[in-house]
């Protein structure tokens, strides 16, 4: 009979309370936690290098890249396409040669058959094709298939794996984030407006507030929706776009006419708040403690 006490250790059942307590103390189990701001890319960082952009450019879909990084990516993809295209053309040429060889072999076979029949046409009995005997039908050798069947014991007759057929490569370069076609001529240069603070002697990377809106001078960060004006590359807040720019569709700095396609929303990396981005969730899986 087991004792019924608060600190009883002789129980035959591993209770839920004990399992939860052991999991919390040992580090085992599964836990979910919210993303912190240190875990998310900053809005002014390159989507490839994850570092602050020195020469920022933006795509039509609003993804920010460093010019050097994205051009290197495009050149690498084009070189990869050229290499794959050469391999594909080589394979096509080999296939054409194999088809030509098969066609020549078939023609030669028919010619040899015709010649052999013509030689024996003078005889009273035309030599017919060899008919396999049914007495040894169970043997492959008796059917004349010795040279057709592969052999796993003779190295020269060991079957080999067929070469995988290559598909024709796609010549388009796709954005590494959105997966949509990307061209170097479609990249738009971005101009960040620096925060003017003479008292702050820190370097640009060390500053927490580095950039501001080009029109309203509001501080920009991950929690502030921003947009890029395509004509000049200036970054403004979406609040400025909704309240000022969309009224007359005139650029507030150059007084030039704007269209809806000239306003590109800047894709942010998100923050620790669950309502900033859709489906933004962090999960940490650990081995479950088993009794």
Protein backbone atom coordinates (compact mmCIF):
# COMPACT_ATOMS: atom_id res chain seq x y z
CA UNK A 1 0.00 0.00 0.00
CA UNK A 2 1.55 3.33 -1.07
CA UNK A 3 1.54 6.41 1.09
CA UNK A 4 -0.73 9.32 0.11
CA UNK A 5 1.26 12.44 0.90
CA UNK A 6 2.28 15.65 -0.84
CA UNK A 7 5.79 14.47 -1.65
CA UNK A 8 4.94 10.87 -2.31
CA UNK A 9 7.44 9.22 -4.67
CA UNK A 10 6.13 5.67 -4.55
CA UNK A 11 3.19 6.23 -6.94
CA UNK A 12 2.86 3.92 -9.93
CA UNK A 13 1.44 6.70 -12.13
CA UNK A 14 3.53 9.52 -13.64
CA UNK A 15 1.08 12.37 -13.16
CA UNK A 16 0.60 15.38 -15.42
CA UNK A 17 1.80 17.72 -12.68
CA UNK A 18 5.03 15.76 -12.25
CA UNK A 19 5.59 15.60 -16.01
CA UNK A 20 5.07 19.36 -16.39
CA UNK A 21 7.34 20.12 -13.46
CA UNK A 22 10.13 17.86 -14.78
CA UNK A 23 9.82 19.26 -18.30
CA UNK A 24 10.18 22.83 -17.01
CA UNK A 25 13.24 22.01 -14.94
CA UNK A 26 15.01 19.72 -17.43
CA UNK A 27 14.48 21.73 -20.63
CA UNK A 28 12.60 18.98 -22.44
CA UNK A 29 9.24 19.32 -24.10
CA UNK A 30 7.79 21.75 -26.66
CA UNK A 31 7.37 25.47 -26.12
CA UNK A 32 6.16 28.42 -28.21
CA UNK A 33 7.36 31.96 -27.77
CA UNK A 34 6.85 35.33 -29.40
CA UNK A 35 9.42 36.74 -31.75
CA UNK A 36 11.64 39.40 -30.26
CA UNK A 37 12.82 42.43 -32.18
CA UNK A 38 16.36 41.03 -32.23
CA UNK A 39 15.11 37.99 -34.16
CA UNK A 40 13.66 39.97 -37.07
CA UNK A 41 15.41 41.73 -39.95
CA UNK A 42 15.37 45.50 -39.74
CA UNK A 43 13.42 47.40 -42.41
CA UNK A 44 16.60 49.03 -43.79
CA UNK A 45 18.59 45.77 -44.09
CA UNK A 46 19.22 43.79 -47.25
CA UNK A 47 17.01 40.73 -47.68
CA UNK A 48 20.05 38.69 -48.77
CA UNK A 49 22.89 39.81 -46.51
CA UNK A 50 20.65 40.84 -43.57
CA UNK A 51 23.00 43.81 -43.07
CA UNK A 52 22.29 47.55 -43.42
CA UNK A 53 22.28 48.52 -47.10
CA UNK A 54 25.08 50.70 -48.41
CA UNK A 55 23.52 51.18 -51.86
CA UNK A 56 19.87 50.24 -51.32
CA UNK A 57 17.65 49.24 -54.23
CA UNK A 58 14.07 47.98 -54.19
CA UNK A 59 12.09 45.66 -56.44
CA UNK A 60 8.61 46.29 -57.83
CA UNK A 61 7.21 44.14 -55.01
CA UNK A 62 8.83 46.26 -52.30
CA UNK A 63 11.73 44.03 -51.20
CA UNK A 64 14.88 45.89 -50.25
CA UNK A 65 18.33 44.67 -51.35
CA UNK A 66 21.86 45.94 -51.35
CA UNK A 67 22.80 46.72 -54.94
CA UNK A 68 26.04 44.76 -54.84
CA UNK A 69 24.38 41.70 -53.30
CA UNK A 70 21.42 41.53 -55.69
CA UNK A 71 23.55 42.13 -58.80
CA UNK A 72 25.92 39.39 -57.68
CA UNK A 73 22.91 37.12 -57.23
CA UNK A 74 21.59 37.92 -60.72
CA UNK A 75 24.99 37.33 -62.35
CA UNK A 76 25.39 34.03 -60.49
CA UNK A 77 21.97 32.84 -61.67
CA UNK A 78 22.73 33.83 -65.26
CA UNK A 79 26.06 31.97 -65.17
CA UNK A 80 24.24 28.95 -63.76
CA UNK A 81 21.70 29.16 -66.58
CA UNK A 82 24.50 29.32 -69.17
CA UNK A 83 26.16 26.22 -67.68
CA UNK A 84 22.90 24.27 -67.56
CA UNK A 85 22.03 25.34 -71.12
CA UNK A 86 25.37 24.01 -72.41
CA UNK A 87 24.74 20.68 -70.66
CA UNK A 88 21.23 20.55 -72.13
CA UNK A 89 22.47 21.30 -75.67
CA UNK A 90 25.14 18.63 -75.27
CA UNK A 91 22.47 16.12 -74.25
CA UNK A 92 20.24 17.09 -77.20
CA UNK A 93 23.18 16.60 -79.58
CA UNK A 94 23.92 13.17 -78.09
CA UNK A 95 20.26 12.18 -78.42
CA UNK A 96 20.26 13.20 -82.08
CA UNK A 97 23.42 11.15 -82.71
CA UNK A 98 21.90 8.13 -80.97
CA UNK A 99 18.73 8.43 -83.04
CA UNK A 100 20.82 8.66 -86.23
CA UNK A 101 22.83 5.59 -85.22
CA UNK A 102 19.65 3.63 -84.50
CA UNK A 103 18.20 4.67 -87.85
CA UNK A 104 21.38 3.62 -89.69
CA UNK A 105 21.48 0.32 -87.80
CA UNK A 106 17.85 -0.42 -88.69
CA UNK A 107 18.50 0.39 -92.35
CA UNK A 108 21.58 -1.85 -92.38
CA UNK A 109 19.64 -4.65 -90.72
CA UNK A 110 16.89 -4.51 -93.35
CA UNK A 111 19.49 -4.40 -96.11
CA UNK A 112 21.31 -7.44 -94.76
CA UNK A 113 18.02 -9.33 -94.48
CA UNK A 114 17.15 -8.47 -98.07
CA UNK A 115 20.58 -9.58 -99.33
CA UNK A 116 20.38 -12.91 -97.46
CA UNK A 117 16.94 -13.63 -98.97
CA UNK A 118 18.15 -12.73 -102.48
CA UNK A 119 21.08 -15.16 -102.18
CA UNK A 120 18.81 -18.08 -101.35
CA UNK A 121 16.00 -17.27 -103.81
CA UNK A 122 17.44 -19.65 -106.46
CA UNK A 123 17.08 -22.65 -104.18
CA UNK A 124 13.85 -24.61 -104.07
CA UNK A 125 13.41 -23.85 -100.43
CA UNK A 126 13.65 -20.38 -99.06
CA UNK A 127 15.42 -20.27 -95.76
CA UNK A 128 12.97 -18.95 -93.27
CA UNK A 129 13.83 -17.14 -90.12
CA UNK A 130 14.97 -19.23 -87.22
CA UNK A 131 11.99 -20.33 -85.17
CA UNK A 132 12.80 -20.89 -81.52
CA UNK A 133 12.13 -24.38 -80.26
CA UNK A 134 9.48 -24.86 -77.66
CA UNK A 135 11.27 -27.71 -75.99
CA UNK A 136 13.58 -25.43 -74.05
CA UNK A 137 11.21 -22.49 -73.73
CA UNK A 138 12.09 -22.10 -70.10
CA UNK A 139 15.73 -21.39 -70.94
CA UNK A 140 16.73 -17.96 -72.18
CA UNK A 141 19.84 -19.39 -73.85
CA UNK A 142 17.79 -21.67 -76.12
CA UNK A 143 15.79 -18.66 -77.35
CA UNK A 144 18.92 -16.95 -78.58
CA UNK A 145 18.86 -14.23 -75.95
CA UNK A 146 22.33 -14.81 -74.59
CA UNK A 147 23.60 -11.52 -76.02
CA UNK A 148 20.44 -9.56 -75.14
CA UNK A 149 20.16 -10.29 -71.45
CA UNK A 150 22.47 -8.53 -68.96
CA UNK A 151 24.73 -10.48 -66.68
CA UNK A 152 25.66 -9.47 -63.14
CA UNK A 153 28.69 -11.81 -63.13
CA UNK A 154 30.37 -10.68 -66.36
CA UNK A 155 31.74 -7.12 -66.04
CA UNK A 156 31.22 -6.35 -69.72
CA UNK A 157 27.53 -7.32 -69.52
CA UNK A 158 26.71 -5.67 -66.20
CA UNK A 159 23.73 -3.31 -66.66
CA UNK A 160 24.49 0.35 -66.14
CA UNK A 161 22.22 3.13 -64.87
CA UNK A 162 20.76 5.35 -67.54
CA UNK A 163 21.75 8.99 -67.67
CA UNK A 164 19.09 11.25 -66.21
CA UNK A 165 17.43 13.37 -68.84
CA UNK A 166 17.96 17.07 -68.28
CA UNK A 167 15.11 19.50 -68.71
CA UNK A 168 15.55 22.75 -70.57
CA UNK A 169 16.58 25.39 -68.01
CA UNK A 170 14.53 28.50 -67.39
CA UNK A 171 16.25 31.65 -68.58
CA UNK A 172 14.42 33.89 -66.10
CA UNK A 173 15.99 35.06 -62.84
CA UNK A 174 13.58 34.96 -59.91
CA UNK A 175 13.56 37.13 -56.81
CA UNK A 176 15.03 35.18 -53.86
CA UNK A 177 12.23 36.41 -51.56
CA UNK A 178 9.05 36.71 -53.62
CA UNK A 179 9.88 34.13 -56.28
CA UNK A 180 8.73 36.45 -59.09
CA UNK A 181 10.80 37.24 -62.23
CA UNK A 182 13.52 39.79 -61.53
CA UNK A 183 15.51 41.97 -63.90
CA UNK A 184 18.40 44.30 -63.11
CA UNK A 185 16.77 47.17 -65.04
CA UNK A 186 13.67 46.95 -62.82
CA UNK A 187 15.62 47.72 -59.63
CA UNK A 188 14.85 51.15 -58.21
CA UNK A 189 17.43 53.10 -56.24
CA UNK A 190 16.32 54.15 -52.75
CA UNK A 191 17.32 57.30 -50.87
CA UNK A 192 17.15 57.17 -47.07
CA UNK A 193 16.83 60.48 -45.25
CA UNK A 194 19.24 60.55 -42.32
CA UNK A 195 18.16 61.77 -38.90
CA UNK A 196 19.96 65.04 -38.22
CA UNK A 197 21.07 65.02 -34.60
CA UNK A 198 24.34 66.98 -33.99
CA UNK A 199 24.50 65.81 -30.39
CA UNK A 200 24.55 62.13 -31.34
CA UNK A 201 28.16 61.18 -32.11
CA UNK A 202 27.47 57.45 -32.63
CA UNK A 203 28.16 55.70 -35.91
CA UNK A 204 25.26 55.11 -38.29
CA UNK A 205 24.98 51.39 -37.52
CA UNK A 206 25.08 51.96 -33.76
CA UNK A 207 22.21 54.45 -33.87
CA UNK A 208 18.78 53.12 -32.96
CA UNK A 209 16.98 55.80 -34.99
CA UNK A 210 18.86 56.13 -38.26
CA UNK A 211 16.35 57.31 -40.85
CA UNK A 212 13.26 59.49 -41.05
CA UNK A 213 10.45 60.24 -43.47
CA UNK A 214 11.54 62.55 -46.29
CA UNK A 215 8.39 64.68 -45.94
CA UNK A 216 7.13 64.56 -42.34
CA UNK A 217 10.51 63.74 -40.71
CA UNK A 218 8.92 60.97 -38.64
CA UNK A 219 11.34 58.37 -37.33
CA UNK A 220 11.27 55.15 -39.37
CA UNK A 221 11.45 51.67 -37.85
CA UNK A 222 9.91 48.22 -38.27
CA UNK A 223 6.65 49.24 -36.66
CA UNK A 224 6.09 52.15 -39.08
CA UNK A 225 4.67 51.19 -42.52
CA UNK A 226 6.70 52.90 -45.26
CA UNK A 227 6.54 53.39 -49.01
CA UNK A 228 9.04 54.30 -51.71
CA UNK A 229 8.27 56.97 -54.30
CA UNK A 230 9.46 55.41 -57.54
CA UNK A 231 10.29 58.64 -59.36
CA UNK A 232 12.86 59.89 -56.83
CA UNK A 233 13.44 56.89 -54.53
CA UNK A 234 12.51 58.81 -51.38
CA UNK A 235 11.03 56.85 -48.47
CA UNK A 236 7.94 58.21 -46.77
CA UNK A 237 5.50 56.81 -44.25
CA UNK A 238 2.22 55.26 -45.36
CA UNK A 239 0.46 57.83 -43.20
CA UNK A 240 2.03 60.55 -45.33
CA UNK A 241 0.93 58.71 -48.47
CA UNK A 242 -2.67 58.38 -47.32
CA UNK A 243 -3.07 61.90 -45.90
CA UNK A 244 -0.92 64.02 -48.21
CA UNK A 245 0.18 62.34 -51.43
CA UNK A 246 -3.00 60.50 -52.46
CA UNK A 247 -5.11 63.64 -52.26
CA UNK A 248 -3.57 65.30 -55.32
CA UNK A 249 -1.12 62.53 -56.44
CA UNK A 250 1.69 65.10 -56.53
CA UNK A 251 5.20 64.49 -55.26
CA UNK A 252 5.57 66.74 -52.18
CA UNK A 253 9.28 67.41 -52.87
CA UNK A 254 9.38 67.85 -56.66
CA UNK A 255 5.71 68.70 -57.42
CA UNK A 256 5.72 66.01 -60.13
CA UNK A 257 2.63 63.99 -60.99
CA UNK A 258 2.44 60.51 -59.48
CA UNK A 259 0.47 57.37 -60.32
CA UNK A 260 -0.53 54.44 -58.17
CA UNK A 261 2.34 52.36 -59.59
CA UNK A 262 4.83 55.04 -58.43
CA UNK A 263 4.03 54.27 -54.78
CA UNK A 264 5.71 51.00 -53.74
CA UNK A 265 5.00 49.75 -50.19
CA UNK A 266 8.21 48.73 -48.44
CA UNK A 267 8.11 45.15 -47.16
CA UNK A 268 9.12 45.09 -43.51
CA UNK A 269 10.80 42.32 -41.57
CA UNK A 270 8.22 42.50 -38.78
CA UNK A 271 8.46 43.02 -35.02
CA UNK A 272 7.68 41.11 -31.87
CA UNK A 273 4.04 42.25 -31.99
CA UNK A 274 1.69 39.64 -33.41
CA UNK A 275 -0.38 42.14 -35.41
CA UNK A 276 2.51 43.63 -37.39
CA UNK A 277 2.75 40.87 -40.01
CA UNK A 278 0.47 38.03 -41.02
CA UNK A 279 1.42 34.52 -39.88
CA UNK A 280 4.41 35.76 -37.91
CA UNK A 281 5.07 33.09 -35.30
CA UNK A 282 8.11 31.58 -33.66
CA UNK A 283 8.18 27.96 -32.53
CA UNK A 284 10.84 26.07 -30.70
CA UNK A 285 10.64 22.27 -30.74
CA UNK A 286 12.54 20.18 -28.23
CA UNK A 287 12.57 16.44 -27.47
CA UNK A 288 9.51 15.45 -25.46
CA UNK A 289 10.11 13.86 -22.08
CA UNK A 290 8.88 10.28 -22.13
CA UNK A 291 8.06 8.29 -19.06
